[in-house]
Protein backbone atom coordinates (compact mmCIF):
# COMPACT_ATOMS: atom_id res chain seq x y z
CA VAL A 1 131.99 259.53 68.58
CA PRO A 2 133.24 262.95 67.36
CA GLU A 3 136.03 262.76 69.91
CA THR A 4 137.00 259.33 68.63
CA VAL A 5 137.01 260.57 65.05
CA ALA A 6 139.11 263.58 66.00
CA MET A 7 141.63 261.39 67.80
CA ALA A 8 141.82 258.99 64.86
CA SER A 9 142.37 261.91 62.48
CA ALA A 10 145.09 263.34 64.68
CA ALA A 11 146.76 259.94 64.99
CA ALA A 12 146.70 259.53 61.21
CA THR A 13 148.24 262.97 60.76
CA ALA A 14 150.95 262.15 63.30
CA SER A 15 151.59 258.83 61.56
CA ALA A 16 151.97 260.49 58.18
CA SER A 17 154.29 263.11 59.60
CA ALA A 18 156.44 260.50 61.30
CA THR A 19 156.54 258.41 58.13
CA VAL A 20 157.86 261.34 56.13
CA SER A 21 160.58 261.94 58.68
CA VAL A 22 161.59 258.29 58.51
CA ALA A 23 161.74 258.31 54.73
CA THR A 24 164.16 261.24 54.73
CA ARG A 25 166.63 259.44 57.00
CA SER A 26 169.55 257.79 55.29
CA ARG A 27 170.99 254.55 56.54
CA VAL A 28 174.72 254.26 56.91
CA SER A 29 175.80 251.16 55.05
CA PRO A 30 178.89 249.22 56.15
CA SER A 31 180.09 249.28 52.56
CA ARG A 32 180.12 253.06 52.66
CA ALA A 33 182.35 253.84 55.62
CA ARG A 34 181.32 257.46 55.78
CA ARG A 35 181.13 259.51 58.94
CA ARG A 36 177.79 261.19 59.45
CA VAL A 37 177.65 264.22 61.69
CA ALA A 38 174.44 264.63 63.60
CA SER A 39 173.08 268.01 64.47
CA ARG A 40 173.74 269.65 67.81
CA PRO A 41 171.35 268.36 70.49
CA SER A 42 168.53 270.74 71.14
CA SER A 43 166.76 271.29 74.41
CA ALA A 44 163.59 271.64 72.34
CA SER A 45 163.73 268.03 71.07
CA PRO A 46 160.40 266.25 71.58
CA SER A 47 159.92 264.18 74.71
CA ARG A 48 157.83 261.09 75.17
CA LYS A 49 155.08 263.15 76.78
CA SER A 50 154.95 265.80 74.03
CA VAL A 51 154.86 263.21 71.24
CA VAL A 52 152.02 261.30 72.85
CA ALA A 53 150.14 264.51 73.62
CA SER A 54 150.52 265.72 70.01
CA ALA A 55 148.35 262.81 68.86
CA ILE A 56 145.36 264.21 70.79
CA SER A 57 143.57 267.22 69.30
CA GLY A 58 141.23 269.70 70.92
CA PRO A 59 141.39 271.44 74.30
CA PRO A 60 143.05 269.68 77.22
CA ARG A 61 140.84 267.28 79.11
CA SER A 62 139.66 268.64 82.43
CA SER A 63 138.62 265.28 83.85
CA GLY A 64 140.20 261.89 84.25
CA PRO A 65 140.80 259.20 86.84
CA PRO A 66 141.59 260.74 90.23
CA PRO A 67 145.22 260.30 91.32
CA ALA A 68 146.36 257.82 93.93
CA ALA A 69 149.66 256.56 95.33
CA LEU A 70 150.34 252.84 95.82
CA VAL A 71 152.05 251.57 98.99
CA VAL A 72 153.32 247.98 98.98
CA GLY A 73 154.17 246.29 102.29
CA HIS A 74 153.59 243.15 104.35
CA ASP A 75 152.93 244.32 107.91
CA ALA A 76 149.45 245.81 108.17
CA GLU A 77 150.01 248.33 110.96
CA GLU A 78 153.34 249.56 109.62
CA THR A 79 151.95 249.81 106.09
CA ARG A 80 149.04 251.85 107.42
CA ALA A 81 151.46 254.23 109.16
CA THR A 82 153.49 254.52 105.94
CA ALA A 83 150.31 255.24 103.97
CA ASP A 84 149.46 258.02 106.41
CA ALA A 85 152.92 259.53 105.92
CA VAL A 86 152.56 259.38 102.13
CA SER A 87 149.12 260.97 102.32
CA ARG A 88 150.37 263.81 104.53
CA ALA A 89 153.34 264.49 102.28
CA LEU A 90 151.53 264.41 98.92
CA ALA A 91 147.88 265.15 99.78
CA VAL A 92 146.64 262.33 97.53
CA ARG A 93 144.61 259.20 98.11
CA VAL A 94 146.66 256.12 99.02
CA VAL A 95 145.93 252.52 98.05
CA CYS A 96 147.74 249.81 100.04
CA LEU A 97 148.48 246.26 98.89
CA LEU A 98 149.88 243.77 101.39
CA HIS A 99 151.91 240.76 100.33
CA ASP A 100 152.73 237.60 102.25
CA ASP A 101 156.00 237.18 104.11
CA THR A 102 155.91 233.41 104.53
CA GLU A 103 158.67 230.93 103.82
CA ALA A 104 157.20 230.30 100.37
CA THR A 105 157.55 233.99 99.40
CA SER A 106 160.67 234.79 101.42
CA ARG A 107 162.92 234.64 98.36
CA GLY A 108 160.78 237.13 96.48
CA GLY A 109 160.59 236.94 92.73
CA LEU A 110 157.55 236.74 90.50
CA CYS A 111 155.09 233.88 90.62
CA PRO A 112 154.97 231.55 87.59
CA SER A 113 153.03 232.73 84.57
CA GLY A 114 149.39 231.76 84.82
CA SER A 115 149.28 231.84 88.62
CA ARG A 116 146.04 233.03 90.22
CA LEU A 117 146.65 235.20 93.27
CA LYS A 118 143.65 236.03 95.43
CA CYS A 119 143.05 239.69 96.21
CA GLU A 120 141.00 240.17 99.36
CA PRO A 121 140.08 243.17 101.52
CA GLY A 122 142.73 244.11 104.05
CA PRO A 123 142.46 245.00 107.73
CA PHE A 124 141.79 248.73 107.21
CA PRO A 125 140.00 250.91 104.62
CA GLY A 126 141.90 251.41 101.38
CA CYS A 127 143.93 248.23 101.94
CA TRP A 128 143.91 244.88 100.16
CA ARG A 129 145.95 241.71 100.59
CA LEU A 130 147.53 239.62 97.83
CA VAL A 131 147.31 236.10 99.21
CA GLY A 132 150.38 234.01 98.41
CA GLY A 133 152.10 236.87 96.61
CA SER A 134 155.64 238.16 97.04
CA ALA A 135 156.72 241.81 97.12
CA GLU A 136 157.37 241.72 93.36
CA ASP A 137 153.97 240.14 92.76
CA ALA A 138 152.33 242.91 94.78
CA ALA A 139 154.23 245.61 92.90
CA VAL A 140 153.07 244.21 89.56
CA CYS A 141 149.48 243.51 90.60
CA GLY A 142 149.17 246.89 92.27
CA ALA A 143 150.80 249.20 89.73
CA ASP A 144 150.03 247.57 86.36
CA PRO A 145 148.36 250.39 84.37
CA THR A 146 146.04 248.09 82.42
CA ALA A 147 144.40 245.92 85.09
CA GLY A 148 146.30 246.50 88.35
CA LEU A 149 144.64 247.25 91.68
CA VAL A 150 144.94 251.04 91.46
CA THR A 151 143.58 251.11 87.90
CA SER A 152 140.80 248.62 88.71
CA LEU A 153 139.65 250.84 91.57
CA GLY A 154 139.27 253.71 89.12
CA PHE A 155 142.40 255.69 90.03
CA SER A 156 145.50 256.81 88.18
CA CYS A 157 148.71 255.67 89.89
CA VAL A 158 151.07 258.65 90.29
CA LEU A 159 153.63 257.06 92.64
CA CYS A 160 154.62 253.64 93.95
CA VAL A 161 156.20 253.29 97.41
CA VAL A 162 157.69 249.93 98.42
CA GLY A 163 158.35 249.53 102.12
CA ILE A 164 159.21 250.32 104.74
CA ALA A 165 161.09 247.03 104.84
CA ARG A 166 163.58 245.62 107.30
CA GLU A 167 166.17 244.45 104.82
CA PRO A 168 169.77 245.37 103.94
CA CYS A 169 169.69 247.14 100.56
CA LEU A 170 173.18 248.68 100.75
CA GLY A 171 176.09 248.06 98.42
CA GLU A 172 175.81 244.80 96.50
CA ASP A 173 172.90 243.70 98.69
CA TYR A 174 170.76 246.08 96.65
CA SER A 175 170.81 243.81 93.61
CA GLY A 176 169.30 240.83 95.43
CA ALA A 177 167.13 242.54 98.02
CA LYS A 178 163.41 241.78 97.74
CA THR A 179 162.52 245.42 98.36
CA THR A 180 164.63 246.94 95.60
CA ARG A 181 163.67 244.18 93.17
CA ALA A 182 160.02 244.97 93.81
CA GLY A 183 160.66 248.68 93.28
CA LYS A 184 162.46 248.05 90.02
CA ARG A 185 159.66 245.75 88.87
CA ALA A 186 157.04 248.41 89.64
CA ALA A 187 158.98 251.02 87.65
CA VAL A 188 159.41 248.71 84.65
CA VAL A 189 155.81 247.50 84.54
CA SER A 190 154.03 250.75 85.28
CA GLY A 191 156.37 253.56 84.21
CA VAL A 192 155.43 255.56 87.33
CA PRO A 193 157.82 257.27 89.77
CA THR A 194 158.94 254.74 92.37
CA ILE A 195 160.56 255.02 95.81
CA VAL A 196 161.93 252.19 97.95
CA ALA A 197 162.35 252.69 101.70
CA CYS A 198 164.09 250.34 104.11
CA VAL A 199 166.03 249.89 107.32
CA PRO A 200 169.24 247.84 106.88
CA THR A 201 168.45 245.04 109.29
CA THR A 202 166.92 241.59 109.46
CA SER A 203 165.79 242.07 113.06
CA GLN A 204 162.01 242.27 113.28
CA ASN A 205 162.36 244.35 116.47
CA ALA A 206 164.26 247.20 114.84
CA PRO A 207 162.23 250.43 114.76
CA VAL A 208 161.21 251.87 111.40
CA ASP A 209 159.76 255.18 112.56
CA GLY A 210 162.95 257.02 111.60
CA ALA A 211 162.91 255.61 108.09
CA ARG A 212 159.25 256.62 107.76
CA ASP A 213 160.11 260.18 108.80
CA ALA A 214 162.93 260.22 106.24
CA LEU A 215 160.57 258.98 103.51
CA GLU A 216 158.00 261.64 104.38
CA LYS A 217 160.63 264.38 104.22
CA VAL A 218 161.81 263.18 100.79
CA LEU A 219 158.23 263.13 99.49
CA GLN A 220 157.54 266.61 100.89
CA THR A 221 160.61 267.90 99.06
CA MET A 222 159.45 266.25 95.83
CA ARG A 223 156.02 267.83 96.16
CA LEU A 224 157.43 271.26 96.94
CA ASN A 225 159.59 271.20 93.80
CA ASP A 226 157.12 269.43 91.48
CA VAL A 227 159.57 266.62 90.86
CA PHE A 228 156.67 264.51 89.60
CA SER A 229 153.04 265.23 88.79
CA ARG A 230 150.41 264.47 91.41
CA GLU A 231 147.67 264.75 88.81
CA GLY A 232 148.68 261.91 86.50
CA PRO A 233 151.73 259.92 85.38
CA SER A 234 153.64 261.08 82.30
CA ASN A 235 154.66 257.63 81.06
CA SER A 236 152.05 255.12 82.22
CA PRO A 237 151.23 253.01 80.31
CA ARG A 238 154.78 253.11 79.03
CA SER A 239 155.44 254.77 75.69
CA HIS A 240 158.24 253.33 73.59
CA PHE A 241 158.33 255.99 70.88
CA PRO A 242 160.46 257.91 70.48
CA PHE A 243 163.28 256.65 72.64
CA PRO A 244 164.24 259.24 75.27
CA GLN A 245 167.49 260.64 73.89
CA LYS A 246 168.85 263.26 76.24
CA ASP A 247 171.48 261.83 78.61
CA ARG A 248 170.42 258.26 77.80
CA TRP A 249 172.13 255.44 75.97
CA ALA A 250 169.55 255.91 73.24
CA SER A 251 171.66 258.92 72.21
CA LEU A 252 174.59 256.62 71.33
CA GLY A 253 175.90 257.84 68.01
CA THR A 254 174.88 261.48 68.47
CA ARG A 255 177.13 264.43 69.24
CA ALA A 256 176.16 264.10 72.90
CA PHE A 257 177.30 260.46 73.01
CA PRO A 258 179.57 259.77 70.01
CA TRP A 259 181.15 256.52 68.96
CA PRO A 260 184.86 256.33 69.86
CA ASP A 261 185.86 255.45 66.28
CA GLU A 262 184.32 254.91 62.88
CA ASN A 263 185.16 251.20 62.57
CA MET A 264 183.24 250.39 65.73
CA ALA A 265 180.30 252.54 64.65
CA VAL A 266 180.06 250.96 61.20
CA SER A 267 180.37 247.43 62.61
CA PHE A 268 177.72 248.01 65.28
CA MET A 269 175.28 249.75 62.94
CA ALA A 270 175.56 247.08 60.24
CA ASP A 271 172.39 245.37 61.44
CA ALA A 272 170.38 248.57 61.85
CA ARG A 273 167.14 248.29 59.95
CA ASP A 274 166.75 250.10 56.67
CA ALA A 275 164.43 253.10 56.49
CA SER A 276 162.44 251.33 53.80
CA ASP A 277 161.36 248.34 55.87
CA PHE A 278 157.88 247.99 57.31
CA ALA A 279 158.72 248.67 60.95
CA ALA A 280 160.53 251.90 60.16
CA LYS A 281 157.51 253.16 58.21
CA ASP A 282 155.25 252.41 61.16
CA CYS A 283 155.74 255.41 63.45
CA TRP A 284 154.35 253.48 66.43
CA SER A 285 157.28 251.05 66.22
CA LEU A 286 159.94 253.69 65.73
CA GLY A 287 162.72 253.68 68.30
CA ASN A 288 165.77 255.51 67.03
CA SER A 289 167.60 255.82 63.73
CA ALA A 290 170.72 254.36 62.18
CA GLU A 291 172.55 257.67 61.98
CA PHE A 292 175.76 257.99 63.95
CA PHE A 293 178.39 260.49 64.94
CA VAL A 294 182.08 259.91 65.61
CA GLY A 295 183.96 262.58 67.48
CA GLN A 296 185.86 263.74 70.53
CA ALA A 297 184.70 265.59 73.61
CA SER A 298 185.46 269.29 73.62
CA ASN A 299 187.55 270.74 76.40
CA ASP A 300 185.31 273.70 77.07
CA GLY A 301 181.98 271.90 76.54
CA ASP A 302 181.10 274.11 73.55
CA ALA A 303 180.88 272.35 70.22
CA SER A 304 179.20 275.17 68.31
CA ASP A 305 182.32 276.03 66.29
CA ASP A 306 183.63 272.55 65.63
CA ALA A 307 181.45 269.93 63.95
CA SER A 308 183.74 267.08 65.03
CA THR A 309 183.57 267.65 68.77
CA ARG A 310 181.16 266.18 71.28
CA TYR A 311 178.47 268.34 72.79
CA THR A 312 178.13 268.16 76.57
CA TYR A 313 175.25 269.37 78.74
CA ASP A 314 175.65 271.55 81.83
CA ALA A 315 174.92 270.33 85.34
CA ARG A 316 171.45 271.88 85.58
CA SER A 317 170.43 270.23 82.32
CA LEU A 318 171.67 266.87 83.62
CA ARG A 319 169.58 267.25 86.77
CA ARG A 320 166.56 268.05 84.62
CA SER A 321 167.20 264.79 82.74
CA LEU A 322 167.26 262.90 86.05
CA ARG A 323 163.86 264.32 86.97
CA GLU A 324 162.48 263.36 83.57
CA ALA A 325 163.83 259.82 84.00
CA PHE A 326 162.26 259.58 87.45
CA ARG A 327 158.90 260.69 86.09
CA ASP A 328 159.18 258.09 83.34
CA GLY A 329 160.09 255.28 85.76
CA ASP A 330 163.56 254.95 84.21
CA VAL A 331 165.31 255.62 87.53
CA PHE A 332 163.99 255.05 91.03
CA VAL A 333 165.02 256.27 94.46
CA CYS A 334 166.09 254.16 97.43
CA VAL A 335 165.92 255.71 100.93
CA THR A 336 167.85 253.73 103.56
CA ALA A 337 167.84 255.02 107.12
CA PRO A 338 169.41 253.67 110.33
CA PRO A 339 166.92 252.29 112.87
CA LYS A 340 167.22 255.33 115.16
CA TRP A 341 167.37 257.98 112.44
CA SER A 342 166.22 261.45 113.45
CA LYS A 343 165.65 264.34 111.06
CA GLU A 344 166.91 266.76 113.71
CA LYS A 345 170.25 264.98 114.25
CA ASN A 346 171.13 262.73 111.34
CA GLY A 347 170.08 264.33 108.04
CA PHE A 348 170.46 262.98 104.51
CA ALA A 349 173.27 262.07 102.14
CA ALA A 350 173.22 261.76 98.35
CA CYS A 351 174.91 258.41 97.79
CA ARG A 352 176.09 255.76 95.39
CA PRO A 353 176.20 252.04 96.25
CA GLY A 354 179.00 251.43 98.72
CA VAL A 355 181.57 248.64 98.93
CA LEU A 356 179.81 245.76 100.64
CA TRP A 357 179.52 242.10 99.73
CA ARG A 358 179.49 238.75 101.49
CA GLN A 359 182.07 235.99 101.34
CA GLU A 360 182.27 232.47 102.81
CA ARG A 361 178.55 231.87 102.25
CA VAL A 362 178.80 228.09 101.96
CA ALA A 363 180.14 225.29 104.17
CA ALA A 364 180.62 221.86 102.59
CA GLU A 365 179.81 218.58 104.36
CA PHE A 366 181.38 215.38 103.01
CA GLY A 367 179.68 212.87 105.28
CA PRO A 368 176.06 211.91 106.01
CA PRO A 369 174.27 214.10 108.58
CA GLY A 370 175.13 213.10 112.13
CA SER A 371 178.26 211.21 111.17
CA PHE A 372 181.44 211.77 113.15
CA ARG A 373 183.21 213.42 110.23
CA SER A 374 180.27 215.71 109.43
CA GLU A 375 179.89 216.88 113.02
CA THR A 376 183.64 217.37 113.39
CA LEU A 377 183.85 219.54 110.30
CA ALA A 378 180.82 221.54 111.43
CA LEU A 379 182.51 222.34 114.73
CA GLU A 380 185.70 223.30 112.95
CA ASP A 381 183.72 225.57 110.63
CA ASP A 382 182.41 227.38 113.71
CA ARG A 383 185.94 227.73 115.04
CA ASP A 384 187.09 229.07 111.67
CA ARG A 385 184.55 231.85 111.81
CA ASN A 386 186.04 232.96 115.12
CA ARG A 387 189.71 232.57 114.25
CA ASN A 388 190.03 235.24 111.57
CA GLU A 389 192.01 237.34 114.03
CA ASN A 390 194.81 234.77 113.68
CA ASP A 391 194.85 234.97 109.90
CA ALA A 392 198.19 236.28 108.76
CA PHE A 393 196.62 237.95 105.73
CA GLY A 394 193.56 239.41 107.47
CA ARG A 395 192.47 242.95 106.83
CA THR A 396 191.42 245.11 109.77
CA LEU A 397 188.00 246.63 109.10
CA PRO A 398 185.68 248.66 111.34
CA LEU A 399 183.21 246.60 113.31
CA ASN A 400 179.67 247.58 112.34
CA THR A 401 176.42 245.77 112.91
CA LEU A 402 173.73 246.00 110.25
CA GLY A 403 170.62 247.42 111.81
CA ASP A 404 171.62 247.65 115.45
CA SER A 405 168.19 247.79 117.04
CA LEU A 406 169.59 249.34 120.20
CA GLY A 407 170.92 252.44 118.51
CA CYS A 408 172.03 253.99 115.27
CA ALA A 409 173.93 251.70 112.96
CA GLY A 410 177.59 252.54 113.07
CA SER A 411 177.58 253.79 116.64
CA GLY A 412 179.73 250.91 117.82
CA THR A 413 182.52 250.87 120.34
CA GLY A 414 185.30 251.49 117.87
CA ASP A 415 186.36 247.85 117.86
CA ALA A 416 187.71 246.24 114.72
CA ARG A 417 187.79 242.79 113.19
CA PHE A 418 189.85 240.76 110.76
CA VAL A 419 188.35 239.68 107.46
CA ARG A 420 190.05 236.88 105.60
CA GLN A 421 191.63 237.87 102.30
CA LEU A 422 190.61 234.83 100.29
CA ALA A 423 192.36 235.87 97.08
CA THR A 424 195.66 236.20 98.98
CA GLU A 425 195.18 232.81 100.59
CA ARG A 426 194.64 231.19 97.19
CA LEU A 427 197.80 232.73 95.75
CA VAL A 428 199.83 231.64 98.75
CA ALA A 429 198.44 228.10 98.53
CA GLU A 430 199.27 227.92 94.83
CA ASN A 431 202.86 228.76 95.69
CA GLY A 432 203.01 225.77 98.02
CA ARG A 433 203.02 227.69 101.26
CA TYR A 434 200.60 227.32 104.14
CA VAL A 435 198.40 230.22 105.20
CA ALA A 436 197.95 229.16 108.79
CA SER A 437 200.65 228.32 111.34
CA GLN A 438 202.03 224.98 110.09
CA ASN A 439 201.30 222.62 112.96
CA ASP A 440 199.91 219.10 113.07
CA GLU A 441 196.36 220.24 113.79
CA ASP A 442 196.27 222.51 110.75
CA GLU A 443 197.70 219.79 108.51
CA ARG A 444 195.06 217.29 109.66
CA ARG A 445 192.28 219.78 109.07
CA LEU A 446 193.61 220.56 105.60
CA ARG A 447 193.63 216.85 104.74
CA ASP A 448 190.04 216.44 105.98
CA ARG A 449 188.90 219.37 103.84
CA ALA A 450 190.56 218.11 100.67
CA PRO A 451 188.60 215.08 99.47
CA PRO A 452 189.84 213.04 96.51
CA ARG A 453 189.63 214.85 93.19
CA GLY A 454 186.15 214.56 91.71
CA SER A 455 184.37 213.99 95.04
CA ALA A 456 181.37 216.24 95.70
CA PRO A 457 180.09 217.26 99.13
CA SER A 458 177.07 215.45 100.52
CA PHE A 459 175.51 218.73 101.65
CA PHE A 460 176.01 222.46 101.38
CA VAL A 461 175.16 224.59 104.39
CA VAL A 462 174.28 228.09 103.17
CA GLY A 463 174.63 230.95 105.61
CA GLY A 464 174.82 234.70 105.75
CA GLY A 465 178.57 234.67 105.24
CA VAL A 466 181.06 237.26 106.36
CA VAL A 467 180.21 240.84 105.46
CA VAL A 468 183.03 242.72 103.79
CA ALA A 469 182.45 246.48 103.95
CA ASP A 470 185.26 248.81 102.97
CA GLU A 471 185.55 252.57 102.81
CA CYS A 472 184.01 254.29 99.79
CA ALA A 473 183.58 258.04 99.45
CA GLY A 474 179.91 258.82 98.97
CA GLY A 475 178.89 255.19 99.54
CA ASP A 476 175.52 254.37 101.07
CA VAL A 477 177.20 251.94 103.48
CA ASP A 478 179.49 254.71 104.75
CA ALA A 479 176.61 257.16 105.16
CA VAL A 480 174.38 254.80 107.14
CA PHE A 481 177.23 253.45 109.28
CA ARG A 482 178.63 256.87 110.10
CA LYS A 483 179.95 256.82 113.65
CA GLY A 484 177.82 258.72 116.11
CA GLY A 485 174.63 258.29 114.08
CA GLY A 486 174.29 257.57 110.40
CA ALA A 487 172.52 259.63 107.76
CA ALA A 488 169.63 258.50 105.60
CA ALA A 489 171.21 257.44 102.32
CA VAL A 490 169.29 258.55 99.22
CA THR A 491 170.52 256.60 96.21
CA THR A 492 169.43 257.00 92.59
CA HIS A 493 169.22 253.55 90.99
CA GLN A 494 168.81 252.70 87.34
CA THR A 495 165.68 250.79 86.35
CA TRP A 496 167.23 249.29 83.22
CA PRO A 497 170.42 247.23 82.74
CA ALA A 498 173.61 248.98 81.65
CA GLY A 499 173.65 249.74 77.95
CA HIS A 500 169.85 249.71 77.59
CA PRO A 501 168.59 252.64 75.47
CA PHE A 502 166.81 254.10 78.52
CA PHE A 503 169.89 253.77 80.78
CA MET A 504 171.30 257.09 81.98
CA THR A 505 174.74 258.14 80.79
CA GLN A 506 177.73 258.43 83.08
CA ASP A 507 177.48 262.23 83.26
CA ALA A 508 173.89 262.01 84.51
CA GLN A 509 174.75 259.30 87.04
CA LEU A 510 177.56 261.41 88.38
CA GLU A 511 175.27 264.43 88.70
CA SER A 512 172.89 262.39 90.87
CA LEU A 513 175.58 262.53 93.58
CA ARG A 514 175.52 266.32 93.81
CA SER A 515 173.88 267.19 97.13
CA CYS A 516 171.86 270.14 98.35
CA GLY A 517 173.95 272.10 100.82
CA GLU A 518 170.97 272.75 103.06
CA THR A 519 169.41 269.30 103.33
CA GLY A 520 172.01 266.83 102.01
CA LEU A 521 169.42 265.39 99.61
CA PRO A 522 170.36 264.88 95.95
CA LEU A 523 170.15 268.30 94.32
CA TRP A 524 168.02 267.01 91.46
CA LEU A 525 165.23 266.37 94.00
CA THR A 526 165.40 269.82 95.57
CA GLU A 527 165.00 272.17 92.62
CA GLU A 528 162.26 272.88 90.11
CA ASP A 529 162.49 272.73 86.34
CA GLU A 530 163.11 276.09 84.72
């Protein structure tokens, strides 16, 4: 009881203090187009963790739930091996949650609200199975800090690992991949550091031992440099006050992230709530203020002598912000390794998403199944997929196979292929010229594929499409497909959509590409906070 009283007293004191600070803020009214200059950002500004901790009085607590890491996977034996690697790297207890990989859950996604998913003991100690659940379901049910599996077992989740999965998560594939969606969901729901590990293949025979070694090395590096706490999470359950400012979009309107002009600032801030309303007086609902700054970036990065210039942080400070965001679950890490990756030969690469997407995903059928016209068009579709080398507007690209189970991805024979340039074909067609060689066969096929206006296909046949992968410096596709044996790509992904207050600024995103000269890992993972 005394502890409860002390905490309530401290919370009341913090509330009163925060209320006073709110009352002294002045709201910029659209009718008073006046530029307000915010103070220079300070490295001593309060963080989420310090604000939450300030509400608790007395000596630090020496006891609490023991830490544990969560591993989400679907194959029991491989998940067990991954759990062993996580345990060796971090020296913490590991809780495993298996999800189904049936046709019903193959598309991933969350189950409908109100669904009841059975949680039953798994095939080995420390493992449970979520019956009928997808990877995202397992991430939520395992990592939720209020009633998830780890919490229900009496532990504090300090890390979530999703994988190792056999799934392409490179380039644009990342946005739709089940593995990365589950990792993002775990970070959003729990606020704990999250890592996704995968091999870019759909072949169930491709080895994953190399990717597991790469994951273990990354975790060992994190532990060595105290990238995240193994004693307890810093932001789980998530705290929404105050918004994290440094190198985030929440700092929009400050000297670190100024508005480009006053008109835009005044227009955008017109709907900002007044300091006198109820929510602003309630410190627990306080996000950020309605103050704003309009200015220009300084050439030398020093704004101490000019109140109208933007303040910029140095590279080390940006890397510190990346570590803070990782601890808060506001960025997560994706490790993608070729099937035959070896730490002795291949190494790591700090990457950004590469240039990869898929075109020609759909074939249209205009007749009933089994009809002459339907079967004829299906055969011609197959021929089309093999005739790109005759396309006058094709682009020669390197021939790579995602997840070559017989060797490292990218260790092909040096052959090349043509990829149709669909945009060029459309422009040529609009100008009344034919793309293919104008013979009778091509004209007949064009007529068959052009039904009367307003006619819809009877069926759509959805396939994997044609992969378009082009060169991109620092791209994860380029790193994994490197000829002679690809590297393990380590990519820093944002948890939140662009423009969200917790989204990292461009300077911080760029700094995530700086690599350690010794290991190739992102430098922000390989150094300690000062």
